Protein backbone atom coordinates (compact mmCIF):
# COMPACT_ATOMS: atom_id res chain seq x y z
CA PHE A 1 0.21 0.06 0.13
CA PRO A 2 1.40 3.75 -0.54
CA SER A 3 3.56 4.80 1.91
CA HIS A 4 1.32 7.72 3.23
CA ASP A 5 -1.01 4.86 4.31
CA ARG A 6 1.55 3.13 6.37
CA PRO A 7 0.43 3.10 10.41
CA GLU A 8 3.96 3.66 11.22
CA CYS A 9 3.98 7.00 9.52
CA GLY A 10 2.09 9.06 11.95
CA PRO A 11 2.76 12.99 11.72
CA VAL A 12 6.31 14.31 13.02
CA ASN A 13 7.25 17.27 15.15
CA THR A 14 10.65 17.33 13.03
CA PHE A 15 12.99 15.51 11.12
CA PHE A 16 16.01 15.62 8.89
CA GLU A 17 16.38 14.02 5.56
CA ASP A 18 19.86 13.50 3.84
CA PHE A 19 18.69 10.64 1.79
CA GLU A 20 21.40 8.51 2.35
CA SER A 21 19.83 5.64 3.91
CA TYR A 22 18.17 4.83 0.46
CA SER A 23 19.10 3.64 -2.74
CA THR A 24 19.17 5.43 -5.97
CA GLY A 25 15.87 5.56 -8.28
CA SER A 26 12.48 6.69 -8.62
CA ILE A 27 11.77 6.61 -5.08
CA VAL A 28 10.77 8.75 -2.37
CA PRO A 29 11.92 8.53 1.64
CA GLU A 30 9.68 5.71 3.75
CA CYS A 31 6.59 8.23 4.78
CA TRP A 32 7.15 10.54 1.97
CA SER A 33 5.03 10.74 -1.28
CA ARG A 34 5.19 12.02 -4.73
CA LEU A 35 2.63 13.17 -7.76
CA ILE A 36 4.32 13.29 -11.58
CA VAL A 37 2.08 15.11 -14.10
CA GLY A 38 3.12 14.37 -17.32
CA SER A 39 6.46 13.15 -18.22
CA ALA A 40 8.32 14.96 -15.09
CA THR A 41 10.54 12.75 -13.15
CA GLN A 42 11.99 12.92 -9.39
CA THR A 43 14.95 10.28 -8.49
CA ILE A 44 16.92 9.99 -5.65
CA SER A 45 20.71 10.58 -7.15
CA SER A 46 24.51 10.47 -6.34
CA THR A 47 24.78 12.89 -8.60
CA THR A 48 27.44 15.52 -6.34
CA PRO A 49 25.09 15.89 -3.13
CA ALA A 50 25.70 18.52 -1.01
CA SER A 51 26.55 15.96 1.81
CA GLY A 52 27.12 12.22 1.57
CA ILE A 53 26.46 10.60 -1.23
CA ARG A 54 22.58 10.94 -2.03
CA ASN A 55 20.25 14.06 -2.77
CA MET A 56 17.05 14.55 -4.43
CA TYR A 57 16.34 15.07 -8.16
CA PRO A 58 13.25 16.43 -9.63
CA PHE A 59 13.35 17.14 -13.04
CA SER A 60 10.09 18.65 -15.18
CA ALA A 61 9.82 19.60 -18.80
CA ALA A 62 7.30 22.61 -20.24
CA GLY A 63 3.82 21.63 -18.78
CA THR A 64 4.91 18.81 -16.48
CA ALA A 65 5.45 18.72 -12.84
CA SER A 66 6.97 16.48 -10.05
CA TYR A 67 5.88 17.15 -6.71
CA VAL A 68 7.48 15.70 -3.51
CA ILE A 69 5.60 15.62 -0.58
CA LEU A 70 6.95 15.46 2.69
CA PRO A 71 5.52 13.61 5.63
CA GLU A 72 2.53 14.29 7.63
CA MET A 73 3.65 16.84 9.94
CA GLN A 74 2.10 18.01 13.38
CA ASN A 75 1.34 21.74 13.34
CA VAL A 76 1.64 22.38 9.74
CA SER A 77 -1.19 25.01 10.24
CA ALA A 78 0.47 27.16 13.41
CA GLY A 79 2.82 29.17 11.76
CA THR A 80 5.30 27.85 13.77
CA HIS A 81 7.77 25.74 11.90
CA ARG A 82 10.25 25.93 8.75
CA LEU A 83 12.07 24.40 6.07
CA THR A 84 15.70 24.52 5.49
CA PHE A 85 17.58 22.67 2.87
CA LYS A 86 20.08 23.51 0.12
CA ALA A 87 19.08 23.59 -3.56
CA ARG A 88 20.89 23.98 -6.88
CA VAL A 89 20.17 23.73 -10.44
CA THR A 90 22.02 21.84 -13.79
CA SER A 91 22.10 25.25 -15.85
CA GLY A 92 19.96 28.11 -15.97
CA VAL A 93 17.89 29.76 -13.64
CA GLY A 94 15.55 27.37 -10.89
CA HIS A 95 12.00 27.60 -10.24
CA LEU A 96 10.73 25.66 -6.94
CA ASP A 97 7.56 26.05 -5.42
CA ILE A 98 7.17 25.60 -1.64
CA GLY A 99 3.68 24.90 -0.64
CA TYR A 100 1.05 22.41 0.54
CA LEU A 101 -1.25 19.97 -1.23
CA THR A 102 -4.78 19.25 0.78
CA ASP A 103 -5.17 16.15 -1.77
CA ILE A 104 -1.86 14.56 -2.48
CA THR A 105 -3.28 12.46 -5.73
CA ASP A 106 -4.60 15.75 -7.18
CA ALA A 107 -1.95 18.68 -8.54
CA SER A 108 -4.96 21.20 -8.53
CA THR A 109 -5.04 21.11 -4.57
CA PHE A 110 -1.70 22.70 -4.38
CA THR A 111 -0.93 25.83 -3.24
CA SER A 112 2.36 27.95 -2.88
CA PHE A 113 3.38 30.09 -0.18
CA ALA A 114 7.15 30.27 -1.26
CA VAL A 115 9.25 30.55 -4.39
CA ILE A 116 12.95 29.90 -4.72
CA ASN A 117 14.85 30.38 -7.75
CA PRO A 118 18.31 29.03 -7.36
CA SER A 119 20.83 29.97 -10.44
CA ASN A 120 23.86 28.17 -8.54
CA THR A 121 25.07 24.97 -10.04
CA VAL A 122 27.09 23.82 -6.90
CA TYR A 123 25.16 23.71 -3.56
CA GLY A 124 25.57 27.07 -1.93
CA PRO A 125 24.03 28.43 1.49
CA VAL A 126 21.00 27.08 3.18
CA THR A 127 17.60 28.09 2.31
CA ILE A 128 15.24 28.77 5.23
CA ILE A 129 11.42 28.62 4.56
CA ASN A 130 9.19 29.85 6.99
CA ILE A 131 5.69 27.84 6.91
CA PRO A 132 3.08 30.39 7.40
CA GLY A 133 -0.22 29.99 9.48
CA GLY A 134 -3.18 29.32 7.75
CA PRO A 135 -2.40 25.57 5.85
CA PRO A 136 -5.34 23.07 6.63
CA GLY A 137 -4.39 20.44 9.60
CA ASN A 138 -4.56 17.83 6.91
CA ALA A 139 -2.08 19.46 4.52
CA ARG A 140 0.94 18.18 3.07
CA ILE A 141 4.18 20.33 2.44
CA ALA A 142 5.32 19.44 -0.81
CA ILE A 143 8.14 21.19 -2.80
CA ALA A 144 7.28 21.23 -6.13
CA ASN A 145 9.38 21.55 -9.57
CA ARG A 146 6.85 22.96 -12.19
CA SER A 147 7.96 24.49 -15.76
CA ASN A 148 5.61 26.66 -18.21
CA ALA A 149 8.26 27.15 -20.35
CA ALA A 150 11.57 25.31 -20.44
CA SER A 151 13.09 21.80 -18.90
CA ILE A 152 14.21 22.65 -15.55
CA ALA A 153 16.40 20.01 -13.20
CA HIS A 154 17.16 20.67 -9.64
CA TYR A 155 18.96 18.95 -6.71
CA TRP A 156 18.12 19.34 -3.06
CA ASP A 157 19.63 17.87 -0.05
CA ASP A 158 19.70 18.18 3.82
CA LEU A 159 16.09 19.15 4.44
CA SER A 160 14.92 19.48 7.93
CA TYR A 161 11.47 20.75 9.60
CA GLN A 162 11.77 22.33 12.27
CA LEU A 163 10.62 24.82 15.13
CA MET A 164 11.16 28.51 13.85
CA PRO A 165 13.92 30.05 16.79
CA SER A 166 12.43 32.62 18.90
CA CYS A 167 15.14 35.36 17.77
CA PRO A 168 16.51 36.13 14.05
CA GLU A 169 19.92 33.96 13.36
CA PRO A 170 22.57 35.77 13.20
CA SER A 171 23.98 36.62 9.58
CA PHE A 172 27.67 36.21 8.50
CA THR A 173 29.51 39.03 7.89
CA PRO A 174 33.21 37.95 6.54
CA VAL A 175 35.95 40.24 8.16
CA THR A 176 38.71 40.82 6.00
CA ASN A 177 41.90 43.46 6.09
CA ILE A 178 42.65 42.84 9.92
CA THR A 179 45.48 44.76 11.50
CA PRO A 180 47.39 43.07 14.21
CA ILE A 181 47.44 45.61 17.15
CA VAL A 182 50.94 46.04 18.95
CA THR A 183 51.07 47.74 22.13
CA GLY A 184 54.03 48.72 24.44
CA LYS A 185 55.02 47.52 27.56
């Protein structure tokens, strides 16, 4: 039976997935689902992951889409959690929609709440998406690779679902041109 119907796949509070415990191929992790529209594809790949030996690889051509549907999550409508992950494209400028499905078998129930447009072909900084309050309690968060004009291939890795921190995270500012201070005795 489908992975989302398994009794051990109850709602989770937090999780981290780096795809390391899965073989490559047209699969998703246990308790996840996928929805493919047209000739789009989705695989777990070993091509240049952000860490370890595996990452997610969704591909869509014009008019097609692949939705990678995350496990059922507690508090999905509370506005208290976020997704973090690293993403890259094979070339050009990508387009990933982050949102939710109210029916994981029907792409028309997808509602996007964030879009990222990666242009980096190697993994860069972590993407942070705060999940807004309001999705219905039965919603399943999904990352959609949809294309209206051209073929787009993405890789993403090291995805986590976690509580938002209570205060903003510090940003990194590089320090350059450091001059030592010499003091006399």
